[in-house]
Structures are given as C-alpha cells and as structure tokens.
C-alpha atoms as a PDB file:
ATOM      1  CA  MET A   1       0.165   0.230  -0.011  1.00  0.00           C
ATOM      2  CA  ARG A   2       1.130   3.361  -0.811  1.00  0.00           C
ATOM      3  CA  PRO A   3       0.534   6.010   1.565  1.00  0.00           C
ATOM      4  CA  LEU A   4      -1.663   8.725   1.053  1.00  0.00           C
ATOM      5  CA  LEU A   5      -0.767  12.398   0.658  1.00  0.00           C
ATOM      6  CA  LEU A   6      -3.599  15.217   0.494  1.00  0.00           C
ATOM      7  CA  ASP A   7      -2.925  18.033  -2.075  1.00  0.00           C
ATOM      8  CA  ALA A   8      -4.639  21.084  -0.889  1.00  0.00           C
ATOM      9  CA  PHE A   9      -5.177  23.946  -3.226  1.00  0.00           C
ATOM     10  CA  CYS A  10      -3.826  21.289  -5.887  1.00  0.00           C
ATOM     11  CA  CYS A  11      -4.302  23.365  -9.036  1.00  0.00           C
ATOM     12  CA  GLN A  12      -3.264  21.251 -12.172  1.00  0.00           C
ATOM     13  CA  GLY A  13      -0.823  19.205  -9.921  1.00  0.00           C
ATOM     14  CA  GLY A  14       2.902  20.167 -10.283  1.00  0.00           C
ATOM     15  CA  ALA A  15       3.235  19.254  -6.621  1.00  0.00           C
ATOM     16  CA  ALA A  16       1.005  16.208  -6.485  1.00  0.00           C
ATOM     17  CA  MET A  17       3.307  14.665  -9.517  1.00  0.00           C
ATOM     18  CA  GLY A  18       6.333  14.850  -7.725  1.00  0.00           C
ATOM     19  CA  TYR A  19       4.525  13.045  -4.509  1.00  0.00           C
ATOM     20  CA  HIS A  20       3.467  10.430  -6.745  1.00  0.00           C
ATOM     21  CA  ARG A  21       6.780   9.623  -8.376  1.00  0.00           C
ATOM     22  CA  ALA A  22       8.147   9.784  -4.956  1.00  0.00           C
ATOM     23  CA  GLY A  23       5.693   7.115  -3.839  1.00  0.00           C
ATOM     24  CA  PHE A  24       2.792   8.247  -2.569  1.00  0.00           C
ATOM     25  CA  ASP A  25      -0.962   7.897  -3.679  1.00  0.00           C
ATOM     26  CA  VAL A  26      -2.156  11.706  -4.043  1.00  0.00           C
ATOM     27  CA  LEU A  27      -5.956  13.159  -3.498  1.00  0.00           C
ATOM     28  CA  GLY A  28      -6.263  16.629  -4.531  1.00  0.00           C
ATOM     29  CA  VAL A  29      -8.719  19.039  -3.446  1.00  0.00           C
ATOM     30  CA  ASP A  30      -9.438  22.720  -4.711  1.00  0.00           C
ATOM     31  CA  ILE A  31     -12.256  25.072  -5.109  1.00  0.00           C
ATOM     32  CA  GLU A  32     -11.973  25.194  -8.871  1.00  0.00           C
ATOM     33  CA  PRO A  33     -12.730  22.262 -11.177  1.00  0.00           C
ATOM     34  CA  GLN A  34      -9.230  21.236 -12.380  1.00  0.00           C
ATOM     35  CA  PRO A  35     -10.041  18.743 -15.341  1.00  0.00           C
ATOM     36  CA  ARG A  36      -6.306  18.529 -16.343  1.00  0.00           C
ATOM     37  CA  TYR A  37      -5.383  17.453 -12.630  1.00  0.00           C
ATOM     38  CA  PRO A  38      -3.826  13.748 -13.236  1.00  0.00           C
ATOM     39  CA  PHE A  39      -5.125  12.151  -9.798  1.00  0.00           C
ATOM     40  CA  PRO A  40      -8.339  12.103  -8.070  1.00  0.00           C
ATOM     41  CA  MET A  41      -9.498  15.052  -6.629  1.00  0.00           C
ATOM     42  CA  VAL A  42     -12.635  16.719  -4.548  1.00  0.00           C
ATOM     43  CA  GLN A  43     -13.888  19.956  -6.049  1.00  0.00           C
ATOM     44  CA  ALA A  44     -14.021  21.452  -2.519  1.00  0.00           C
ATOM     45  CA  ASP A  45     -12.997  24.894  -0.538  1.00  0.00           C
ATOM     46  CA  ALA A  46      -9.220  23.593   0.362  1.00  0.00           C
ATOM     47  CA  LEU A  47      -9.167  25.582   3.810  1.00  0.00           C
ATOM     48  CA  GLU A  48     -12.313  24.094   4.732  1.00  0.00           C
ATOM     49  CA  ALA A  49     -11.344  20.878   3.866  1.00  0.00           C
ATOM     50  CA  LEU A  50      -8.263  21.041   6.319  1.00  0.00           C
ATOM     51  CA  ALA A  51     -10.481  22.445   9.265  1.00  0.00           C
ATOM     52  CA  SER A  52     -13.188  19.982   9.088  1.00  0.00           C
ATOM     53  CA  TRP A  53     -12.367  16.603   7.107  1.00  0.00           C
ATOM     54  CA  ASP A  54     -11.062  13.684   9.348  1.00  0.00           C
ATOM     55  CA  LEU A  55      -7.627  13.663   8.047  1.00  0.00           C
ATOM     56  CA  SER A  56      -6.392  10.558   9.930  1.00  0.00           C
ATOM     57  CA  ARG A  57      -6.493   8.625   6.611  1.00  0.00           C
ATOM     58  CA  PHE A  58      -3.523  10.746   5.562  1.00  0.00           C
ATOM     59  CA  ALA A  59       0.088   9.794   5.734  1.00  0.00           C
ATOM     60  CA  ALA A  60       0.824  13.407   4.827  1.00  0.00           C
ATOM     61  CA  ILE A  61      -0.271  16.711   3.705  1.00  0.00           C
ATOM     62  CA  HIS A  62       0.973  19.541   1.318  1.00  0.00           C
ATOM     63  CA  ALA A  63      -0.416  22.988   1.100  1.00  0.00           C
ATOM     64  CA  SER A  64       0.029  25.161  -1.677  1.00  0.00           C
ATOM     65  CA  PRO A  65      -1.978  28.228  -0.895  1.00  0.00           C
ATOM     66  CA  PRO A  66      -2.775  30.683  -3.534  1.00  0.00           C
ATOM     67  CA  CYS A  67       0.371  33.318  -3.403  1.00  0.00           C
ATOM     68  CA  GLN A  68      -1.285  36.178  -5.158  1.00  0.00           C
ATOM     69  CA  ALA A  69      -1.278  38.293  -1.619  1.00  0.00           C
ATOM     70  CA  PHE A  70       2.680  37.598  -1.310  1.00  0.00           C
ATOM     71  CA  THR A  71       4.173  38.181  -4.853  1.00  0.00           C
ATOM     72  CA  THR A  72       6.697  41.011  -5.099  1.00  0.00           C
ATOM     73  CA  MET A  73       4.301  43.231  -6.694  1.00  0.00           C
ATOM     74  CA  SER A  74       1.879  42.635  -4.370  1.00  0.00           C
ATOM     75  CA  ASN A  75       3.969  43.304  -1.338  1.00  0.00           C
ATOM     76  CA  ARG A  76       4.892  46.396  -3.582  1.00  0.00           C
ATOM     77  CA  TRP A  77       1.518  47.891  -3.300  1.00  0.00           C
ATOM     78  CA  ARG A  78       0.155  46.622  -0.099  1.00  0.00           C
ATOM     79  CA  GLY A  79      -1.073  49.328   2.036  1.00  0.00           C
ATOM     80  CA  LYS A  80      -2.145  51.924  -1.009  1.00  0.00           C
ATOM     81  CA  GLU A  81      -5.515  51.033  -1.476  1.00  0.00           C
ATOM     82  CA  SER A  82      -4.704  48.986  -4.619  1.00  0.00           C
ATOM     83  CA  LEU A  83      -5.852  45.226  -5.751  1.00  0.00           C
ATOM     84  CA  ALA A  84      -2.568  44.370  -3.457  1.00  0.00           C
ATOM     85  CA  ASP A  85      -5.179  45.031  -0.489  1.00  0.00           C
ATOM     86  CA  GLN A  86      -7.985  43.054  -1.811  1.00  0.00           C
ATOM     87  CA  ARG A  87      -5.815  39.640  -1.822  1.00  0.00           C
ATOM     88  CA  LEU A  88      -6.810  36.861   0.671  1.00  0.00           C
ATOM     89  CA  ASP A  89      -4.271  35.604   2.778  1.00  0.00           C
ATOM     90  CA  LEU A  90      -4.488  32.035   3.085  1.00  0.00           C
ATOM     91  CA  LEU A  91      -1.155  31.033   4.282  1.00  0.00           C
ATOM     92  CA  THR A  92      -1.741  32.361   7.746  1.00  0.00           C
ATOM     93  CA  PRO A  93      -4.795  30.181   8.511  1.00  0.00           C
ATOM     94  CA  VAL A  94      -3.230  27.147   6.869  1.00  0.00           C
ATOM     95  CA  ARG A  95      -0.309  28.013   9.082  1.00  0.00           C
ATOM     96  CA  ALA A  96      -2.273  27.902  12.168  1.00  0.00           C
ATOM     97  CA  ILE A  97      -4.056  24.626  10.973  1.00  0.00           C
ATOM     98  CA  LEU A  98      -1.615  21.976  10.195  1.00  0.00           C
ATOM     99  CA  PRO A  99       0.214  21.893  13.189  1.00  0.00           C
ATOM    100  CA  ARG A 100      -2.788  21.064  15.056  1.00  0.00           C
ATOM    101  CA  THR A 101      -3.326  17.883  12.997  1.00  0.00           C
ATOM    102  CA  GLY A 102      -0.304  15.838  13.955  1.00  0.00           C
ATOM    103  CA  ILE A 103       0.491  14.641  10.431  1.00  0.00           C
ATOM    104  CA  PRO A 104       3.848  15.428   8.698  1.00  0.00           C
ATOM    105  CA  TYR A 105       2.900  18.593   5.963  1.00  0.00           C
ATOM    106  CA  VAL A 106       4.661  20.618   3.938  1.00  0.00           C
ATOM    107  CA  ILE A 107       3.301  24.433   3.114  1.00  0.00           C
ATOM    108  CA  GLU A 108       4.904  26.068  -0.059  1.00  0.00           C
ATOM    109  CA  ASN A 109       4.709  29.507  -1.401  1.00  0.00           C
ATOM    110  CA  VAL A 110       6.556  32.614  -3.085  1.00  0.00           C
ATOM    111  CA  GLN A 111       9.570  34.288  -1.768  1.00  0.00           C
ATOM    112  CA  GLY A 112       7.528  37.066  -0.693  1.00  0.00           C
ATOM    113  CA  ALA A 113       5.991  34.904   1.752  1.00  0.00           C
ATOM    114  CA  ALA A 114       9.267  34.336   3.166  1.00  0.00           C
ATOM    115  CA  THR A 115       8.372  36.904   6.508  1.00  0.00           C
ATOM    116  CA  SER A 116       4.781  35.294   6.819  1.00  0.00           C
ATOM    117  CA  MET A 117       6.609  31.400   6.883  1.00  0.00           C
ATOM    118  CA  ALA A 118       8.820  29.400   9.561  1.00  0.00           C
ATOM    119  CA  SER A 119      10.726  28.515   6.474  1.00  0.00           C
ATOM    120  CA  THR A 120      12.887  25.504   6.546  1.00  0.00           C
ATOM    121  CA  LEU A 121      13.755  25.085   3.258  1.00  0.00           C
ATOM    122  CA  ILE A 122      14.222  26.768  -0.333  1.00  0.00           C
ATOM    123  CA  LEU A 123      14.354  25.147  -3.530  1.00  0.00           C
ATOM    124  CA  HIS A 124      15.164  26.411  -6.874  1.00  0.00           C
ATOM    125  CA  GLY A 125      15.504  24.910 -10.362  1.00  0.00           C
ATOM    126  CA  GLY A 126      19.261  25.103 -10.478  1.00  0.00           C
ATOM    127  CA  MET A 127      19.333  22.077  -7.795  1.00  0.00           C
ATOM    128  CA  PHE A 128      17.623  19.624 -10.287  1.00  0.00           C
ATOM    129  CA  GLY A 129      19.052  20.770 -13.322  1.00  0.00           C
ATOM    130  CA  LEU A 130      16.173  22.734 -14.809  1.00  0.00           C
ATOM    131  CA  ARG A 131      15.848  25.672 -17.220  1.00  0.00           C
ATOM    132  CA  VAL A 132      13.378  27.396 -14.601  1.00  0.00           C
ATOM    133  CA  ASP A 133      14.940  29.149 -11.295  1.00  0.00           C
ATOM    134  CA  ARG A 134      11.559  29.589 -10.007  1.00  0.00           C
ATOM    135  CA  PRO A 135      12.671  29.746  -6.038  1.00  0.00           C
ATOM    136  CA  ARG A 136       9.945  28.366  -3.809  1.00  0.00           C
ATOM    137  CA  TYR A 137       9.981  28.194   0.149  1.00  0.00           C
ATOM    138  CA  PHE A 138       8.432  25.508   2.198  1.00  0.00           C
ATOM    139  CA  GLU A 139       7.713  25.085   5.845  1.00  0.00           C
ATOM    140  CA  SER A 140       7.393  21.497   7.027  1.00  0.00           C
ATOM    141  CA  ASN A 141       7.090  19.670  10.609  1.00  0.00           C
ATOM    142  CA  VAL A 142       9.572  17.578   9.476  1.00  0.00           C
ATOM    143  CA  LEU A 143      13.218  17.761   8.788  1.00  0.00           C
ATOM    144  CA  ILE A 144      14.092  18.059   4.991  1.00  0.00           C
ATOM    145  CA  LEU A 145      17.894  18.254   3.977  1.00  0.00           C
ATOM    146  CA  VAL A 146      19.506  19.463   0.633  1.00  0.00           C
ATOM    147  CA  ALA A 147      22.849  20.415  -0.665  1.00  0.00           C
ATOM    148  CA  ARG A 148      23.662  24.015  -2.193  1.00  0.00           C
ATOM    149  CA  SER A 149      23.724  24.149  -5.608  1.00  0.00           C
ATOM    150  CA  SER A 150      24.249  27.199  -8.279  1.00  0.00           C
ATOM    151  CA  ARG A 151      21.365  28.889  -9.611  1.00  0.00           C
ATOM    152  CA  THR A 152      20.014  28.228 -13.325  1.00  0.00           C
ATOM    153  CA  ASP A 153      21.972  30.272 -16.165  1.00  0.00           C
ATOM    154  CA  ASN A 154      19.930  32.356 -18.150  1.00  0.00           C
ATOM    155  CA  PRO A 155      16.492  30.858 -16.949  1.00  0.00           C
ATOM    156  CA  VAL A 156      13.152  30.758 -18.779  1.00  0.00           C
ATOM    157  CA  GLY A 157      10.613  32.471 -16.731  1.00  0.00           C
ATOM    158  CA  VAL A 158       6.981  30.782 -16.583  1.00  0.00           C
ATOM    159  CA  TYR A 159       4.638  33.520 -15.442  1.00  0.00           C
ATOM    160  CA  GLY A 160       2.592  36.321 -16.812  1.00  0.00           C
ATOM    161  CA  ASP A 161      -0.442  36.416 -19.117  1.00  0.00           C
ATOM    162  CA  ARG A 162       0.943  34.580 -22.002  1.00  0.00           C
ATOM    163  CA  PRO A 163       4.227  32.758 -23.300  1.00  0.00           C
ATOM    164  CA  ASP A 164       5.511  35.450 -25.340  1.00  0.00           C
ATOM    165  CA  GLY A 165       9.429  35.068 -24.908  1.00  0.00           C
ATOM    166  CA  ARG A 166       9.997  38.490 -23.916  1.00  0.00           C
ATOM    167  CA  ARG A 167      13.204  39.704 -21.602  1.00  0.00           C
ATOM    168  CA  LEU A 168      12.322  39.652 -17.937  1.00  0.00           C
ATOM    169  CA  ASN A 169      15.278  40.903 -16.026  1.00  0.00           C
ATOM    170  CA  ASP A 170      19.052  40.918 -16.270  1.00  0.00           C
ATOM    171  CA  ARG A 171      20.286  39.431 -13.543  1.00  0.00           C
ATOM    172  CA  ALA A 172      23.046  40.300 -11.193  1.00  0.00           C
ATOM    173  CA  ASP A 173      25.184  37.020 -12.220  1.00  0.00           C
ATOM    174  CA  GLY A 174      25.349  38.678 -15.748  1.00  0.00           C
ATOM    175  CA  SER A 175      22.696  36.167 -17.149  1.00  0.00           C
ATOM    176  CA  VAL A 176      19.226  36.857 -18.746  1.00  0.00           C
ATOM    177  CA  GLN A 177      15.636  35.464 -17.732  1.00  0.00           C
ATOM    178  CA  ARG A 178      13.304  35.805 -20.574  1.00  0.00           C
ATOM    179  CA  ALA A 179       9.873  34.319 -20.609  1.00  0.00           C
ATOM    180  CA  ALA A 180       8.762  31.144 -22.231  1.00  0.00           C
ATOM    181  CA  ARG A 181       8.430  31.098 -26.094  1.00  0.00           C
ATOM    182  CA  SER A 182       5.435  29.011 -25.967  1.00  0.00           C
ATOM    183  CA  LEU A 183       3.169  26.727 -23.910  1.00  0.00           C
ATOM    184  CA  GLU A 184       5.298  23.544 -24.975  1.00  0.00           C
ATOM    185  CA  GLU A 185       8.519  25.083 -23.690  1.00  0.00           C
ATOM    186  CA  ALA A 186       6.701  26.071 -20.542  1.00  0.00           C
ATOM    187  CA  GLN A 187       5.417  22.402 -20.414  1.00  0.00           C
ATOM    188  CA  GLU A 188       9.238  21.318 -20.980  1.00  0.00           C
ATOM    189  CA  VAL A 189      11.176  23.546 -18.604  1.00  0.00           C
ATOM    190  CA  MET A 190       8.274  22.681 -15.683  1.00  0.00           C
ATOM    191  CA  GLY A 191       8.250  19.261 -16.532  1.00  0.00           C
ATOM    192  CA  MET A 192       4.306  19.364 -16.869  1.00  0.00           C
ATOM    193  CA  PRO A 193       3.289  18.061 -20.583  1.00  0.00           C
ATOM    194  CA  TRP A 194      -0.123  17.587 -19.200  1.00  0.00           C
ATOM    195  CA  ALA A 195      -0.874  21.359 -17.979  1.00  0.00           C
ATOM    196  CA  ASP A 196      -1.999  24.385 -19.636  1.00  0.00           C
ATOM    197  CA  TRP A 197      -0.280  27.686 -19.124  1.00  0.00           C
ATOM    198  CA  HIS A 198      -2.368  28.875 -16.192  1.00  0.00           C
ATOM    199  CA  GLY A 199      -1.475  25.146 -14.625  1.00  0.00           C
ATOM    200  CA  CYS A 200       2.512  25.784 -15.464  1.00  0.00           C
ATOM    201  CA  LYS A 201       2.837  29.365 -14.271  1.00  0.00           C
ATOM    202  CA  GLU A 202       0.991  28.526 -10.863  1.00  0.00           C
ATOM    203  CA  ALA A 203       2.719  25.163 -10.047  1.00  0.00           C
ATOM    204  CA  VAL A 204       6.164  24.317  -8.661  1.00  0.00           C
ATOM    205  CA  PRO A 205       8.110  21.679 -10.835  1.00  0.00           C
ATOM    206  CA  PRO A 206       7.414  18.051  -9.767  1.00  0.00           C
ATOM    207  CA  ALA A 207      10.954  18.077  -9.358  1.00  0.00           C
ATOM    208  CA  TYR A 208      10.639  19.713  -5.915  1.00  0.00           C
ATOM    209  CA  THR A 209       8.054  17.574  -4.546  1.00  0.00           C
ATOM    210  CA  GLU A 210       9.509  14.355  -5.452  1.00  0.00           C
ATOM    211  CA  PHE A 211      12.672  15.247  -3.680  1.00  0.00           C
ATOM    212  CA  ILE A 212      10.628  16.177  -0.602  1.00  0.00           C
ATOM    213  CA  GLY A 213       8.501  13.461  -1.084  1.00  0.00           C
ATOM    214  CA  GLN A 214      11.623  10.993  -0.907  1.00  0.00           C
ATOM    215  CA  GLN A 215      12.365  12.274   2.445  1.00  0.00           C
ATOM    216  CA  LEU A 216       9.038  12.331   3.585  1.00  0.00           C
ATOM    217  CA  LEU A 217       8.899   8.747   2.837  1.00  0.00           C
ATOM    218  CA  GLU A 218      11.861   7.719   5.080  1.00  0.00           C
ATOM    219  CA  HIS A 219      10.565   9.938   7.999  1.00  0.00           C
ATOM    220  CA  LEU A 220       7.351   7.726   7.909  1.00  0.00           C
ATOM    221  CA  ALA A 221       9.203   4.780   7.526  1.00  0.00           C
ATOM    222  CA  THR A 222      11.604   5.657  10.622  1.00  0.00           C
ATOM    223  CA  SER A 223       8.521   6.547  12.460  1.00  0.00           C
ATOM    224  CA  ARG A 224       6.936   3.217  11.857  1.00  0.00           C
ATOM    225  CA  VAL A 225       9.931   1.647  13.358  1.00  0.00           C
ATOM    226  CA  ALA A 226      10.432   3.782  16.155  1.00  0.00           C
ATOM    227  CA  ASP A 227       6.611   3.109  16.937  1.00  0.00           C
ATOM    228  CA  ALA A 228       6.902  -0.418  16.766  1.00  0.00           C
ATOM    229  CA  VAL A 229       9.761  -0.890  19.118  1.00  0.00           C
ATOM    230  CA  GLY A 230       7.961   1.835  21.676  1.00  0.00           C
ATOM    231  CA  LEU A 231      10.869   4.914  20.777  1.00  0.00           C
ATOM    232  CA  PRO A 232       9.940   8.376  20.128  1.00  0.00           C
ATOM    233  CA  ALA A 233      10.611   9.112  16.616  1.00  0.00           C
ATOM    234  CA  HIS A 234      12.942  11.855  15.388  1.00  0.00           C
ATOM    235  CA  GLY A 235      12.700  13.723  11.885  1.00  0.00           C
END
C-alpha cells in the first residue's frame, strides 16, 4: 500500500506529480474544477477541508495556498488601497491549522511570503538541472535536507499572461531571464506536459516535491519502526 497524501489547493498537479513519483498516492482538493489534474480530486474549499475533514487516513499533507497576496508586486503595492489589499491571505490560516493535525505536512509559497513563514527549506531549479529558476519556500514539521547548488543560468520564466518570449530581467550574475516562448516550452522546462499555461505558471515543478516526498517517506518509515519498538521518532 502506498501512503496517501492530501494535496490542498492542488491546481493542475505540479506538486502532486512529484509526490506520486516519490511513492505516494495523492488526493487533490481545490475550490475550482481541475480537469487536467492527473489524480483523483475533490472540488471543495481546501481551507475548509483542512479544518473540517477527518484527516486520519492521510500519511502527509501538502498545501500550496494561492500566492497572489505575497508576490513581489503585491508586497510593493500593499497598503496603498490597490488590488493588492484585496488579495486573500490563505497562508496564515493554513499555518495555524496544519500543526494541530499531528500529521507530517509541507507548506509551499513564493519568496514574498518569507516573512510570513517559518521556512525550513528553499528550492530552486538549479538544484535539479531545470531550465527554470523558480525559487520557492517550504515550511514543514519534518526535517528535510538539501545540498547547496548554483542557480540556473539564463533561466526561462513561466509567469505572466501568456508565453511571449519577452526579456524579463538582467540578473546580477550577468545572465538574462526571458519568458517562455510557447506553452510547449513552459511544459518542458516545468516538467508538466499535461498542464496548460495557467497550470504551469501556478505550479512548483514536480522535481521539487519528488525530492521532498522521498524524505517524507523516509521519515514515515522511521516513525513506523520507532512506534513498533516503543521509541520516540525523530525526523
């Protein structure tokens, strides 16, 4: 039996695919219909699901609450009576709920959320040989380790309204970031051939959560052994 992971705010399943490849079965939950999600899912309010469902059948939980409230642009305009002030903060209630479950969990969000998270891990595309940079912060009640790695040179950016190939920024290391030129390029650099543009730009690459999932499985195996012999688990 593969352990079951709940994928909250699942969108089109970038995170889910990584956990599946690591060895989990996955159930997604999202308030919007997600016909491209590659695994079973329930259309429901993910925050309400975390607060009210019986979660005992899940071995682990991953939550990627929408990040629009914490993007660099939102942080720049917050407090100025702009659209940024209307963005819902779903990260804070998720962080309040998950520690109370007693279940191993992972929360993911963008760099702009760093001050609102107890981040234990930062991943970027260079760690996995990807052509995207896409740094993301992760908070977990399980210790997850990663080696340092150089950032991706001349990365492809997967965000914005459409894939138009435009020059996005000149980076401090002398390389240049440009937008994906096509949906096909976005799918390739993200490792998400089933997703549309919206799904790609909202996701974490599956490589990130495959890496995390492998360590979650090691933690779960250690916990089972500890329980069997009556010792406290560490991880």
